[in-house]
PDB file of N, CA and C in Angstrom:
ATOM      1  N   UNK A   1      97.529   7.515  41.224  1.00  0.00           N
ATOM      2  CA  UNK A   1      97.009   8.696  41.856  1.00  0.00           C
ATOM      3  C   UNK A   1      97.288   9.897  40.966  1.00  0.00           C
ATOM      4  N   UNK A   2      96.292  10.691  40.696  1.00  0.00           N
ATOM      5  CA  UNK A   2      96.428  11.851  39.832  1.00  0.00           C
ATOM      6  C   UNK A   2      97.189  12.960  40.558  1.00  0.00           C
ATOM      7  N   UNK A   3      97.851  13.788  39.779  1.00  0.00           N
ATOM      8  CA  UNK A   3      98.608  14.892  40.349  1.00  0.00           C
ATOM      9  C   UNK A   3      97.659  15.999  40.790  1.00  0.00           C
ATOM     10  N   UNK A   4      98.028  16.681  41.837  1.00  0.00           N
ATOM     11  CA  UNK A   4      97.263  17.834  42.289  1.00  0.00           C
ATOM     12  C   UNK A   4      97.958  19.086  41.753  1.00  0.00           C
ATOM     13  N   UNK A   5      97.400  19.623  40.691  1.00  0.00           N
ATOM     14  CA  UNK A   5      98.017  20.790  40.065  1.00  0.00           C
ATOM     15  C   UNK A   5      97.954  22.007  40.969  1.00  0.00           C
ATOM     16  N   UNK A   6      96.940  22.077  41.820  1.00  0.00           N
ATOM     17  CA  UNK A   6      96.842  23.203  42.746  1.00  0.00           C
ATOM     18  C   UNK A   6      97.987  23.164  43.752  1.00  0.00           C
ATOM     19  N   UNK A   7      98.331  21.962  44.231  1.00  0.00           N
ATOM     20  CA  UNK A   7      99.434  21.842  45.186  1.00  0.00           C
ATOM     21  C   UNK A   7     100.777  22.114  44.517  1.00  0.00           C
ATOM     22  N   UNK A   8     100.915  21.718  43.272  1.00  0.00           N
ATOM     23  CA  UNK A   8     102.173  21.958  42.560  1.00  0.00           C
ATOM     24  C   UNK A   8     102.439  23.454  42.448  1.00  0.00           C
ATOM     25  N   UNK A   9     101.385  24.219  42.124  1.00  0.00           N
ATOM     26  CA  UNK A   9     101.549  25.665  42.010  1.00  0.00           C
ATOM     27  C   UNK A   9     101.450  26.379  43.350  1.00  0.00           C
ATOM     28  N   UNK A  10     101.035  25.663  44.391  1.00  0.00           N
ATOM     29  CA  UNK A  10     100.948  26.266  45.716  1.00  0.00           C
ATOM     30  C   UNK A  10      99.799  27.242  45.861  1.00  0.00           C
ATOM     31  N   UNK A  11      98.674  26.940  45.235  1.00  0.00           N
ATOM     32  CA  UNK A  11      97.509  27.828  45.272  1.00  0.00           C
ATOM     33  C   UNK A  11      96.290  27.050  45.746  1.00  0.00           C
ATOM     34  N   UNK A  12      95.246  27.781  46.089  1.00  0.00           N
ATOM     35  CA  UNK A  12      94.005  27.136  46.513  1.00  0.00           C
ATOM     36  C   UNK A  12      93.151  26.828  45.278  1.00  0.00           C
ATOM     37  N   UNK A  13      92.223  25.887  45.392  1.00  0.00           N
ATOM     38  CA  UNK A  13      91.346  25.579  44.261  1.00  0.00           C
ATOM     39  C   UNK A  13      90.444  26.742  43.855  1.00  0.00           C
ATOM     40  N   UNK A  14      90.274  27.725  44.725  1.00  0.00           N
ATOM     41  CA  UNK A  14      89.454  28.895  44.400  1.00  0.00           C
ATOM     42  C   UNK A  14      90.280  30.028  43.792  1.00  0.00           C
ATOM     43  N   UNK A  15      91.504  29.776  43.410  1.00  0.00           N
ATOM     44  CA  UNK A  15      92.400  30.818  42.892  1.00  0.00           C
ATOM     45  C   UNK A  15      91.894  31.385  41.573  1.00  0.00           C
ATOM     46  N   UNK A  16      92.109  32.681  41.400  1.00  0.00           N
ATOM     47  CA  UNK A  16      91.712  33.343  40.161  1.00  0.00           C
ATOM     48  C   UNK A  16      92.787  33.133  39.097  1.00  0.00           C
ATOM     49  N   UNK A  17      92.470  33.558  37.893  1.00  0.00           N
ATOM     50  CA  UNK A  17      93.408  33.419  36.784  1.00  0.00           C
ATOM     51  C   UNK A  17      94.687  34.209  37.045  1.00  0.00           C
ATOM     52  N   UNK A  18      94.552  35.394  37.614  1.00  0.00           N
ATOM     53  CA  UNK A  18      95.740  36.209  37.907  1.00  0.00           C
ATOM     54  C   UNK A  18      96.603  35.565  38.988  1.00  0.00           C
ATOM     55  N   UNK A  19      95.990  34.948  39.992  1.00  0.00           N
ATOM     56  CA  UNK A  19      96.758  34.262  41.031  1.00  0.00           C
ATOM     57  C   UNK A  19      97.498  33.054  40.455  1.00  0.00           C
ATOM     58  N   UNK A  20      96.849  32.344  39.553  1.00  0.00           N
ATOM     59  CA  UNK A  20      97.490  31.194  38.903  1.00  0.00           C
ATOM     60  C   UNK A  20      98.692  31.655  38.088  1.00  0.00           C
ATOM     61  N   UNK A  21      98.496  32.723  37.339  1.00  0.00           N
ATOM     62  CA  UNK A  21      99.573  33.238  36.493  1.00  0.00           C
ATOM     63  C   UNK A  21     100.752  33.739  37.328  1.00  0.00           C
ATOM     64  N   UNK A  22     100.481  34.450  38.417  1.00  0.00           N
ATOM     65  CA  UNK A  22     101.583  34.964  39.236  1.00  0.00           C
ATOM     66  C   UNK A  22     102.329  33.829  39.947  1.00  0.00           C
ATOM     67  N   UNK A  23     101.588  32.799  40.415  1.00  0.00           N
ATOM     68  CA  UNK A  23     102.252  31.644  41.038  1.00  0.00           C
ATOM     69  C   UNK A  23     103.111  30.915  40.013  1.00  0.00           C
ATOM     70  N   UNK A  24     102.595  30.769  38.808  1.00  0.00           N
ATOM     71  CA  UNK A  24     103.343  30.109  37.735  1.00  0.00           C
ATOM     72  C   UNK A  24     104.637  30.870  37.429  1.00  0.00           C
ATOM     73  N   UNK A  25     104.535  32.165  37.272  1.00  0.00           N
ATOM     74  CA  UNK A  25     105.724  32.967  36.943  1.00  0.00           C
ATOM     75  C   UNK A  25     106.773  32.920  38.047  1.00  0.00           C
ATOM     76  N   UNK A  26     106.306  32.975  39.293  1.00  0.00           N
ATOM     77  CA  UNK A  26     107.226  32.920  40.426  1.00  0.00           C
ATOM     78  C   UNK A  26     107.960  31.584  40.455  1.00  0.00           C
ATOM     79  N   UNK A  27     107.228  30.483  40.260  1.00  0.00           N
ATOM     80  CA  UNK A  27     107.841  29.154  40.322  1.00  0.00           C
ATOM     81  C   UNK A  27     108.732  28.872  39.120  1.00  0.00           C
ATOM     82  N   UNK A  28     108.344  29.359  37.946  1.00  0.00           N
ATOM     83  CA  UNK A  28     109.166  29.152  36.755  1.00  0.00           C
ATOM     84  C   UNK A  28     110.502  29.860  36.906  1.00  0.00           C
ATOM     85  N   UNK A  29     110.469  31.058  37.484  1.00  0.00           N
ATOM     86  CA  UNK A  29     111.714  31.782  37.730  1.00  0.00           C
ATOM     87  C   UNK A  29     112.615  31.001  38.684  1.00  0.00           C
ATOM     88  N   UNK A  30     112.004  30.434  39.712  1.00  0.00           N
ATOM     89  CA  UNK A  30     112.773  29.735  40.736  1.00  0.00           C
ATOM     90  C   UNK A  30     113.313  28.395  40.244  1.00  0.00           C
ATOM     91  N   UNK A  31     112.526  27.643  39.473  1.00  0.00           N
ATOM     92  CA  UNK A  31     112.907  26.289  39.085  1.00  0.00           C
ATOM     93  C   UNK A  31     113.311  26.151  37.621  1.00  0.00           C
ATOM     94  N   UNK A  32     113.631  27.240  36.958  1.00  0.00           N
ATOM     95  CA  UNK A  32     114.062  27.160  35.555  1.00  0.00           C
ATOM     96  C   UNK A  32     115.379  26.394  35.483  1.00  0.00           C
ATOM     97  N   UNK A  33     115.514  25.482  34.536  1.00  0.00           N
ATOM     98  CA  UNK A  33     116.724  24.651  34.461  1.00  0.00           C
ATOM     99  C   UNK A  33     118.024  25.438  34.324  1.00  0.00           C
ATOM    100  N   UNK A  34     117.961  26.663  33.807  1.00  0.00           N
ATOM    101  CA  UNK A  34     119.183  27.460  33.707  1.00  0.00           C
ATOM    102  C   UNK A  34     119.675  27.936  35.067  1.00  0.00           C
ATOM    103  N   UNK A  35     118.763  28.031  36.043  1.00  0.00           N
ATOM    104  CA  UNK A  35     119.126  28.553  37.359  1.00  0.00           C
ATOM    105  C   UNK A  35     119.068  27.500  38.461  1.00  0.00           C
ATOM    106  N   UNK A  36     118.249  26.483  38.294  1.00  0.00           N
ATOM    107  CA  UNK A  36     118.036  25.456  39.317  1.00  0.00           C
ATOM    108  C   UNK A  36     118.870  24.236  38.964  1.00  0.00           C
ATOM    109  N   UNK A  37     119.705  23.801  39.895  1.00  0.00           N
ATOM    110  CA  UNK A  37     120.608  22.684  39.614  1.00  0.00           C
ATOM    111  C   UNK A  37     120.005  21.323  39.943  1.00  0.00           C
ATOM    112  N   UNK A  38     118.776  21.281  40.447  1.00  0.00           N
ATOM    113  CA  UNK A  38     118.161  20.024  40.852  1.00  0.00           C
ATOM    114  C   UNK A  38     117.499  19.253  39.736  1.00  0.00           C
ATOM    115  N   UNK A  39     117.740  19.602  38.500  1.00  0.00           N
ATOM    116  CA  UNK A  39     117.107  18.912  37.376  1.00  0.00           C
ATOM    117  C   UNK A  39     115.907  19.690  36.862  1.00  0.00           C
ATOM    118  N   UNK A  40     115.271  19.140  35.845  1.00  0.00           N
ATOM    119  CA  UNK A  40     114.160  19.874  35.244  1.00  0.00           C
ATOM    120  C   UNK A  40     112.806  19.210  35.474  1.00  0.00           C
ATOM    121  N   UNK A  41     112.730  18.231  36.378  1.00  0.00           N
ATOM    122  CA  UNK A  41     111.448  17.577  36.653  1.00  0.00           C
ATOM    123  C   UNK A  41     110.451  18.533  37.295  1.00  0.00           C
ATOM    124  N   UNK A  42     110.920  19.329  38.242  1.00  0.00           N
ATOM    125  CA  UNK A  42     110.029  20.294  38.894  1.00  0.00           C
ATOM    126  C   UNK A  42     109.519  21.309  37.871  1.00  0.00           C
ATOM    127  N   UNK A  43     110.401  21.750  36.984  1.00  0.00           N
ATOM    128  CA  UNK A  43     110.015  22.716  35.961  1.00  0.00           C
ATOM    129  C   UNK A  43     108.942  22.130  35.044  1.00  0.00           C
ATOM    130  N   UNK A  44     109.092  20.879  34.672  1.00  0.00           N
ATOM    131  CA  UNK A  44     108.100  20.229  33.802  1.00  0.00           C
ATOM    132  C   UNK A  44     106.751  20.081  34.495  1.00  0.00           C
ATOM    133  N   UNK A  45     106.770  19.738  35.793  1.00  0.00           N
ATOM    134  CA  UNK A  45     105.513  19.630  36.531  1.00  0.00           C
ATOM    135  C   UNK A  45     104.813  20.976  36.628  1.00  0.00           C
ATOM    136  N   UNK A  46     105.575  22.036  36.842  1.00  0.00           N
ATOM    137  CA  UNK A  46     104.999  23.382  36.903  1.00  0.00           C
ATOM    138  C   UNK A  46     104.391  23.745  35.555  1.00  0.00           C
ATOM    139  N   UNK A  47     105.093  23.442  34.477  1.00  0.00           N
ATOM    140  CA  UNK A  47     104.576  23.711  33.129  1.00  0.00           C
ATOM    141  C   UNK A  47     103.267  22.953  32.882  1.00  0.00           C
ATOM    142  N   UNK A  48     103.243  21.690  33.272  1.00  0.00           N
ATOM    143  CA  UNK A  48     102.047  20.864  33.070  1.00  0.00           C
ATOM    144  C   UNK A  48     100.869  21.394  33.887  1.00  0.00           C
ATOM    145  N   UNK A  49     101.140  21.775  35.137  1.00  0.00           N
ATOM    146  CA  UNK A  49     100.074  22.306  35.991  1.00  0.00           C
ATOM    147  C   UNK A  49      99.506  23.597  35.415  1.00  0.00           C
ATOM    148  N   UNK A  50     100.383  24.468  34.924  1.00  0.00           N
ATOM    149  CA  UNK A  50      99.892  25.722  34.364  1.00  0.00           C
ATOM    150  C   UNK A  50      99.149  25.506  33.045  1.00  0.00           C
ATOM    151  N   UNK A  51      99.581  24.536  32.265  1.00  0.00           N
ATOM    152  CA  UNK A  51      98.893  24.285  30.998  1.00  0.00           C
ATOM    153  C   UNK A  51      97.459  23.821  31.241  1.00  0.00           C
ATOM    154  N   UNK A  52      97.215  23.134  32.355  1.00  0.00           N
ATOM    155  CA  UNK A  52      95.855  22.695  32.681  1.00  0.00           C
ATOM    156  C   UNK A  52      95.076  23.806  33.366  1.00  0.00           C
ATOM    157  N   UNK A  53      95.663  24.419  34.395  1.00  0.00           N
ATOM    158  CA  UNK A  53      94.926  25.413  35.173  1.00  0.00           C
ATOM    159  C   UNK A  53      94.835  26.765  34.482  1.00  0.00           C
ATOM    160  N   UNK A  54      95.730  27.053  33.569  1.00  0.00           N
ATOM    161  CA  UNK A  54      95.690  28.331  32.864  1.00  0.00           C
ATOM    162  C   UNK A  54      94.609  28.390  31.800  1.00  0.00           C
ATOM    163  N   UNK A  55      94.195  27.255  31.283  1.00  0.00           N
ATOM    164  CA  UNK A  55      93.146  27.179  30.265  1.00  0.00           C
ATOM    165  C   UNK A  55      91.820  26.894  30.965  1.00  0.00           C
ATOM    166  N   UNK A  56      90.814  27.742  30.757  1.00  0.00           N
ATOM    167  CA  UNK A  56      89.546  27.611  31.489  1.00  0.00           C
ATOM    168  C   UNK A  56      88.825  26.301  31.174  1.00  0.00           C
ATOM    169  N   UNK A  57      88.852  25.872  29.927  1.00  0.00           N
ATOM    170  CA  UNK A  57      88.165  24.626  29.565  1.00  0.00           C
ATOM    171  C   UNK A  57      88.838  23.423  30.213  1.00  0.00           C
ATOM    172  N   UNK A  58      90.161  23.369  30.127  1.00  0.00           N
ATOM    173  CA  UNK A  58      90.899  22.248  30.714  1.00  0.00           C
ATOM    174  C   UNK A  58      90.821  22.261  32.244  1.00  0.00           C
ATOM    175  N   UNK A  59      90.780  23.461  32.828  1.00  0.00           N
ATOM    176  CA  UNK A  59      90.650  23.554  34.281  1.00  0.00           C
ATOM    177  C   UNK A  59      89.283  23.023  34.724  1.00  0.00           C
ATOM    178  N   UNK A  60      88.246  23.366  33.994  1.00  0.00           N
ATOM    179  CA  UNK A  60      86.902  22.894  34.323  1.00  0.00           C
ATOM    180  C   UNK A  60      86.846  21.367  34.261  1.00  0.00           C
ATOM    181  N   UNK A  61      87.438  20.783  33.212  1.00  0.00           N
ATOM    182  CA  UNK A  61      87.479  19.318  33.087  1.00  0.00           C
ATOM    183  C   UNK A  61      88.271  18.686  34.235  1.00  0.00           C
ATOM    184  N   UNK A  62      89.386  19.315  34.590  1.00  0.00           N
ATOM    185  CA  UNK A  62      90.215  18.805  35.684  1.00  0.00           C
ATOM    186  C   UNK A  62      89.450  18.852  37.007  1.00  0.00           C
ATOM    187  N   UNK A  63      88.757  19.949  37.287  1.00  0.00           N
ATOM    188  CA  UNK A  63      87.991  20.072  38.524  1.00  0.00           C
ATOM    189  C   UNK A  63      86.848  19.057  38.576  1.00  0.00           C
ATOM    190  N   UNK A  64      86.230  18.781  37.436  1.00  0.00           N
ATOM    191  CA  UNK A  64      85.186  17.759  37.406  1.00  0.00           C
ATOM    192  C   UNK A  64      85.784  16.384  37.674  1.00  0.00           C
ATOM    193  N   UNK A  65      86.939  16.121  37.127  1.00  0.00           N
ATOM    194  CA  UNK A  65      87.620  14.844  37.353  1.00  0.00           C
ATOM    195  C   UNK A  65      87.986  14.682  38.828  1.00  0.00           C
ATOM    196  N   UNK A  66      88.437  15.750  39.457  1.00  0.00           N
ATOM    197  CA  UNK A  66      88.795  15.699  40.871  1.00  0.00           C
ATOM    198  C   UNK A  66      87.568  15.444  41.733  1.00  0.00           C
ATOM    199  N   UNK A  67      86.468  16.101  41.415  1.00  0.00           N
ATOM    200  CA  UNK A  67      85.276  15.956  42.249  1.00  0.00           C
ATOM    201  C   UNK A  67      84.673  14.561  42.158  1.00  0.00           C
ATOM    202  N   UNK A  68      84.953  13.822  41.106  1.00  0.00           N
ATOM    203  CA  UNK A  68      84.411  12.474  40.942  1.00  0.00           C
ATOM    204  C   UNK A  68      85.161  11.426  41.748  1.00  0.00           C
ATOM    205  N   UNK A  69      86.457  11.605  41.950  1.00  0.00           N
ATOM    206  CA  UNK A  69      87.225  10.572  42.652  1.00  0.00           C
ATOM    207  C   UNK A  69      87.082  10.735  44.155  1.00  0.00           C
ATOM    208  N   UNK A  70      87.130   9.628  44.889  1.00  0.00           N
ATOM    209  CA  UNK A  70      86.998   9.698  46.346  1.00  0.00           C
ATOM    210  C   UNK A  70      88.220  10.363  46.963  1.00  0.00           C
ATOM    211  N   UNK A  71      87.985  11.122  48.004  1.00  0.00           N
ATOM    212  CA  UNK A  71      89.081  11.818  48.671  1.00  0.00           C
ATOM    213  C   UNK A  71      89.603  10.971  49.813  1.00  0.00           C
ATOM    214  N   UNK A  72      90.925  10.939  49.901  1.00  0.00           N
ATOM    215  CA  UNK A  72      91.564  10.213  50.991  1.00  0.00           C
ATOM    216  C   UNK A  72      92.300  11.230  51.850  1.00  0.00           C
ATOM    217  N   UNK A  73      92.189  11.089  53.136  1.00  0.00           N
ATOM    218  CA  UNK A  73      92.889  11.986  54.047  1.00  0.00           C
ATOM    219  C   UNK A  73      94.339  11.560  54.157  1.00  0.00           C
ATOM    220  N   UNK A  74      95.202  12.501  54.139  1.00  0.00           N
ATOM    221  CA  UNK A  74      96.622  12.224  54.262  1.00  0.00           C
ATOM    222  C   UNK A  74      96.967  11.933  55.720  1.00  0.00           C
ATOM    223  N   UNK A  75      97.818  10.963  55.935  1.00  0.00           N
ATOM    224  CA  UNK A  75      98.235  10.631  57.286  1.00  0.00           C
ATOM    225  C   UNK A  75      99.467  11.437  57.706  1.00  0.00           C
ATOM    226  N   UNK A  76     100.090  12.121  56.747  1.00  0.00           N
ATOM    227  CA  UNK A  76     101.265  12.919  57.066  1.00  0.00           C
ATOM    228  C   UNK A  76     100.844  14.253  57.664  1.00  0.00           C
ATOM    229  N   UNK A  77     101.609  14.780  58.618  1.00  0.00           N
ATOM    230  CA  UNK A  77     101.267  16.089  59.167  1.00  0.00           C
ATOM    231  C   UNK A  77     101.529  17.162  58.133  1.00  0.00           C
ATOM    232  N   UNK A  78     100.742  18.188  58.162  1.00  0.00           N
ATOM    233  CA  UNK A  78     100.909  19.285  57.223  1.00  0.00           C
ATOM    234  C   UNK A  78     101.710  20.394  57.883  1.00  0.00           C
ATOM    235  N   UNK A  79     102.573  21.017  57.133  1.00  0.00           N
ATOM    236  CA  UNK A  79     103.401  22.072  57.669  1.00  0.00           C
ATOM    237  C   UNK A  79     102.991  23.435  57.133  1.00  0.00           C
ATOM    238  N   UNK A  80     101.943  23.487  56.357  1.00  0.00           N
ATOM    239  CA  UNK A  80     101.434  24.767  55.874  1.00  0.00           C
ATOM    240  C   UNK A  80     100.498  25.343  56.916  1.00  0.00           C
ATOM    241  N   UNK A  81     100.388  26.652  56.914  1.00  0.00           N
ATOM    242  CA  UNK A  81      99.470  27.270  57.858  1.00  0.00           C
ATOM    243  C   UNK A  81      98.049  27.106  57.335  1.00  0.00           C
ATOM    244  N   UNK A  82      97.258  26.391  58.079  1.00  0.00           N
ATOM    245  CA  UNK A  82      95.875  26.147  57.709  1.00  0.00           C
ATOM    246  C   UNK A  82      94.988  26.620  58.833  1.00  0.00           C
ATOM    247  N   UNK A  83      93.770  27.028  58.529  1.00  0.00           N
ATOM    248  CA  UNK A  83      92.885  27.452  59.601  1.00  0.00           C
ATOM    249  C   UNK A  83      92.527  26.279  60.507  1.00  0.00           C
ATOM    250  N   UNK A  84      92.364  26.577  61.773  1.00  0.00           N
ATOM    251  CA  UNK A  84      92.000  25.549  62.741  1.00  0.00           C
ATOM    252  C   UNK A  84      90.583  25.055  62.463  1.00  0.00           C
ATOM    253  N   UNK A  85      90.347  23.744  62.515  1.00  0.00           N
ATOM    254  CA  UNK A  85      88.990  23.252  62.355  1.00  0.00           C
ATOM    255  C   UNK A  85      88.137  23.659  63.551  1.00  0.00           C
ATOM    256  N   UNK A  86      86.913  24.003  63.264  1.00  0.00           N
ATOM    257  CA  UNK A  86      86.022  24.465  64.323  1.00  0.00           C
ATOM    258  C   UNK A  86      85.175  23.310  64.815  1.00  0.00           C
ATOM    259  N   UNK A  87      85.616  22.699  65.872  1.00  0.00           N
ATOM    260  CA  UNK A  87      84.823  21.622  66.440  1.00  0.00           C
ATOM    261  C   UNK A  87      84.269  21.996  67.797  1.00  0.00           C
ATOM    262  N   UNK A  88      84.493  23.224  68.230  1.00  0.00           N
ATOM    263  CA  UNK A  88      83.854  23.732  69.425  1.00  0.00           C
ATOM    264  C   UNK A  88      84.549  23.447  70.736  1.00  0.00           C
ATOM    265  N   UNK A  89      85.642  22.691  70.750  1.00  0.00           N
ATOM    266  CA  UNK A  89      86.306  22.401  72.012  1.00  0.00           C
ATOM    267  C   UNK A  89      87.743  22.879  71.964  1.00  0.00           C
ATOM    268  N   UNK A  90      88.211  23.306  73.094  1.00  0.00           N
ATOM    269  CA  UNK A  90      89.599  23.751  73.187  1.00  0.00           C
ATOM    270  C   UNK A  90      90.527  22.545  73.081  1.00  0.00           C
ATOM    271  N   UNK A  91      90.144  21.443  73.698  1.00  0.00           N
ATOM    272  CA  UNK A  91      90.984  20.244  73.650  1.00  0.00           C
ATOM    273  C   UNK A  91      91.126  19.737  72.221  1.00  0.00           C
ATOM    274  N   UNK A  92      90.062  19.804  71.433  1.00  0.00           N
ATOM    275  CA  UNK A  92      90.124  19.360  70.045  1.00  0.00           C
ATOM    276  C   UNK A  92      91.056  20.221  69.223  1.00  0.00           C
ATOM    277  N   UNK A  93      91.006  21.546  69.428  1.00  0.00           N
ATOM    278  CA  UNK A  93      91.887  22.417  68.655  1.00  0.00           C
ATOM    279  C   UNK A  93      93.333  22.255  69.103  1.00  0.00           C
ATOM    280  N   UNK A  94      93.557  22.003  70.413  1.00  0.00           N
ATOM    281  CA  UNK A  94      94.909  21.763  70.899  1.00  0.00           C
ATOM    282  C   UNK A  94      95.450  20.464  70.314  1.00  0.00           C
ATOM    283  N   UNK A  95      94.615  19.443  70.240  1.00  0.00           N
ATOM    284  CA  UNK A  95      95.034  18.169  69.665  1.00  0.00           C
ATOM    285  C   UNK A  95      95.400  18.339  68.190  1.00  0.00           C
ATOM    286  N   UNK A  96      94.587  19.084  67.443  1.00  0.00           N
ATOM    287  CA  UNK A  96      94.892  19.321  66.034  1.00  0.00           C
ATOM    288  C   UNK A  96      96.181  20.100  65.888  1.00  0.00           C
ATOM    289  N   UNK A  97      96.402  21.087  66.729  1.00  0.00           N
ATOM    290  CA  UNK A  97      97.628  21.872  66.687  1.00  0.00           C
ATOM    291  C   UNK A  97      98.819  20.988  67.039  1.00  0.00           C
ATOM    292  N   UNK A  98      98.650  20.116  68.020  1.00  0.00           N
ATOM    293  CA  UNK A  98      99.723  19.246  68.463  1.00  0.00           C
ATOM    294  C   UNK A  98     100.207  18.338  67.350  1.00  0.00           C
ATOM    295  N   UNK A  99      99.296  17.759  66.591  1.00  0.00           N
ATOM    296  CA  UNK A  99      99.684  16.822  65.555  1.00  0.00           C
ATOM    297  C   UNK A  99     100.067  17.487  64.246  1.00  0.00           C
ATOM    298  N   UNK A 100      99.729  18.757  64.050  1.00  0.00           N
ATOM    299  CA  UNK A 100     100.043  19.388  62.781  1.00  0.00           C
ATOM    300  C   UNK A 100     101.294  20.255  62.834  1.00  0.00           C
ATOM    301  N   UNK A 101     101.728  20.660  64.022  1.00  0.00           N
ATOM    302  CA  UNK A 101     102.876  21.556  64.133  1.00  0.00           C
ATOM    303  C   UNK A 101     103.998  20.835  64.878  1.00  0.00           C
ATOM    304  N   UNK A 102     105.065  20.442  64.179  1.00  0.00           N
ATOM    305  CA  UNK A 102     106.128  19.684  64.833  1.00  0.00           C
ATOM    306  C   UNK A 102     106.881  20.476  65.892  1.00  0.00           C
ATOM    307  N   UNK A 103     107.021  21.788  65.722  1.00  0.00           N
ATOM    308  CA  UNK A 103     107.731  22.598  66.709  1.00  0.00           C
ATOM    309  C   UNK A 103     106.939  22.628  68.013  1.00  0.00           C
ATOM    310  N   UNK A 104     105.635  22.796  67.900  1.00  0.00           N
ATOM    311  CA  UNK A 104     104.768  22.795  69.080  1.00  0.00           C
ATOM    312  C   UNK A 104     104.858  21.445  69.785  1.00  0.00           C
ATOM    313  N   UNK A 105     104.815  20.378  69.025  1.00  0.00           N
ATOM    314  CA  UNK A 105     104.882  19.026  69.594  1.00  0.00           C
ATOM    315  C   UNK A 105     106.203  18.819  70.336  1.00  0.00           C
ATOM    316  N   UNK A 106     107.322  19.241  69.735  1.00  0.00           N
ATOM    317  CA  UNK A 106     108.620  19.069  70.378  1.00  0.00           C
ATOM    318  C   UNK A 106     108.743  19.919  71.636  1.00  0.00           C
ATOM    319  N   UNK A 107     108.178  21.135  71.613  1.00  0.00           N
ATOM    320  CA  UNK A 107     108.268  21.982  72.796  1.00  0.00           C
ATOM    321  C   UNK A 107     107.437  21.399  73.931  1.00  0.00           C
ATOM    322  N   UNK A 108     106.257  20.854  73.636  1.00  0.00           N
ATOM    323  CA  UNK A 108     105.441  20.219  74.672  1.00  0.00           C
ATOM    324  C   UNK A 108     106.172  18.998  75.228  1.00  0.00           C
ATOM    325  N   UNK A 109     106.769  18.188  74.372  1.00  0.00           N
ATOM    326  CA  UNK A 109     107.505  17.001  74.821  1.00  0.00           C
ATOM    327  C   UNK A 109     108.693  17.402  75.691  1.00  0.00           C
ATOM    328  N   UNK A 110     109.378  18.470  75.306  1.00  0.00           N
ATOM    329  CA  UNK A 110     110.529  18.937  76.074  1.00  0.00           C
ATOM    330  C   UNK A 110     110.102  19.362  77.472  1.00  0.00           C
ATOM    331  N   UNK A 111     109.044  20.169  77.577  1.00  0.00           N
ATOM    332  CA  UNK A 111     108.606  20.639  78.882  1.00  0.00           C
ATOM    333  C   UNK A 111     108.035  19.511  79.737  1.00  0.00           C
ATOM    334  N   UNK A 112     107.413  18.544  79.116  1.00  0.00           N
ATOM    335  CA  UNK A 112     106.908  17.385  79.858  1.00  0.00           C
ATOM    336  C   UNK A 112     108.077  16.607  80.465  1.00  0.00           C
ATOM    337  N   UNK A 113     109.121  16.381  79.673  1.00  0.00           N
ATOM    338  CA  UNK A 113     110.299  15.670  80.176  1.00  0.00           C
ATOM    339  C   UNK A 113     111.021  16.479  81.233  1.00  0.00           C
ATOM    340  N   UNK A 114     111.084  17.781  81.054  1.00  0.00           N
ATOM    341  CA  UNK A 114     111.729  18.653  82.028  1.00  0.00           C
ATOM    342  C   UNK A 114     110.978  18.613  83.357  1.00  0.00           C
ATOM    343  N   UNK A 115     109.664  18.611  83.318  1.00  0.00           N
ATOM    344  CA  UNK A 115     108.847  18.551  84.517  1.00  0.00           C
ATOM    345  C   UNK A 115     109.037  17.212  85.223  1.00  0.00           C
ATOM    346  N   UNK A 116     109.061  16.116  84.460  1.00  0.00           N
ATOM    347  CA  UNK A 116     109.296  14.813  85.069  1.00  0.00           C
ATOM    348  C   UNK A 116     110.659  14.728  85.725  1.00  0.00           C
ATOM    349  N   UNK A 117     111.665  15.333  85.114  1.00  0.00           N
ATOM    350  CA  UNK A 117     113.021  15.321  85.658  1.00  0.00           C
ATOM    351  C   UNK A 117     113.078  16.155  86.923  1.00  0.00           C
ATOM    352  N   UNK A 118     112.378  17.291  86.964  1.00  0.00           N
ATOM    353  CA  UNK A 118     112.389  18.166  88.128  1.00  0.00           C
ATOM    354  C   UNK A 118     111.711  17.521  89.330  1.00  0.00           C
ATOM    355  N   UNK A 119     110.699  16.691  89.073  1.00  0.00           N
ATOM    356  CA  UNK A 119     109.989  16.025  90.163  1.00  0.00           C
ATOM    357  C   UNK A 119     110.880  14.975  90.831  1.00  0.00           C
ATOM    358  N   UNK A 120     111.704  14.312  90.030  1.00  0.00           N
ATOM    359  CA  UNK A 120     112.591  13.284  90.570  1.00  0.00           C
ATOM    360  C   UNK A 120     113.630  13.920  91.448  1.00  0.00           C
TER     361      UNK A 120
END
């Protein structure tokens, strides 16, 4: 499976050159081996991602390579704030929120159990 350089830098695929550069600088400061004690693997991945996305020719080739491979949906819940999918139903958006936000899921489970306990 190929690496997602956009995810490594924490940017969207529509990011501009300035956004790429600022994300790179922020992450390099945070994960530089002189300051980060977790090793230098993260730093190397950030360097590799910027070397591809910072160069317009290499970025274009990378985006073409990404568009050719089939996309697989991740089964893991996402913890980033993403816009709600518009499927037109309140139940659908509640279901998406339920499975994507662990705090919401735990609070619903807690109140459901509390209600069941109160009825007994």
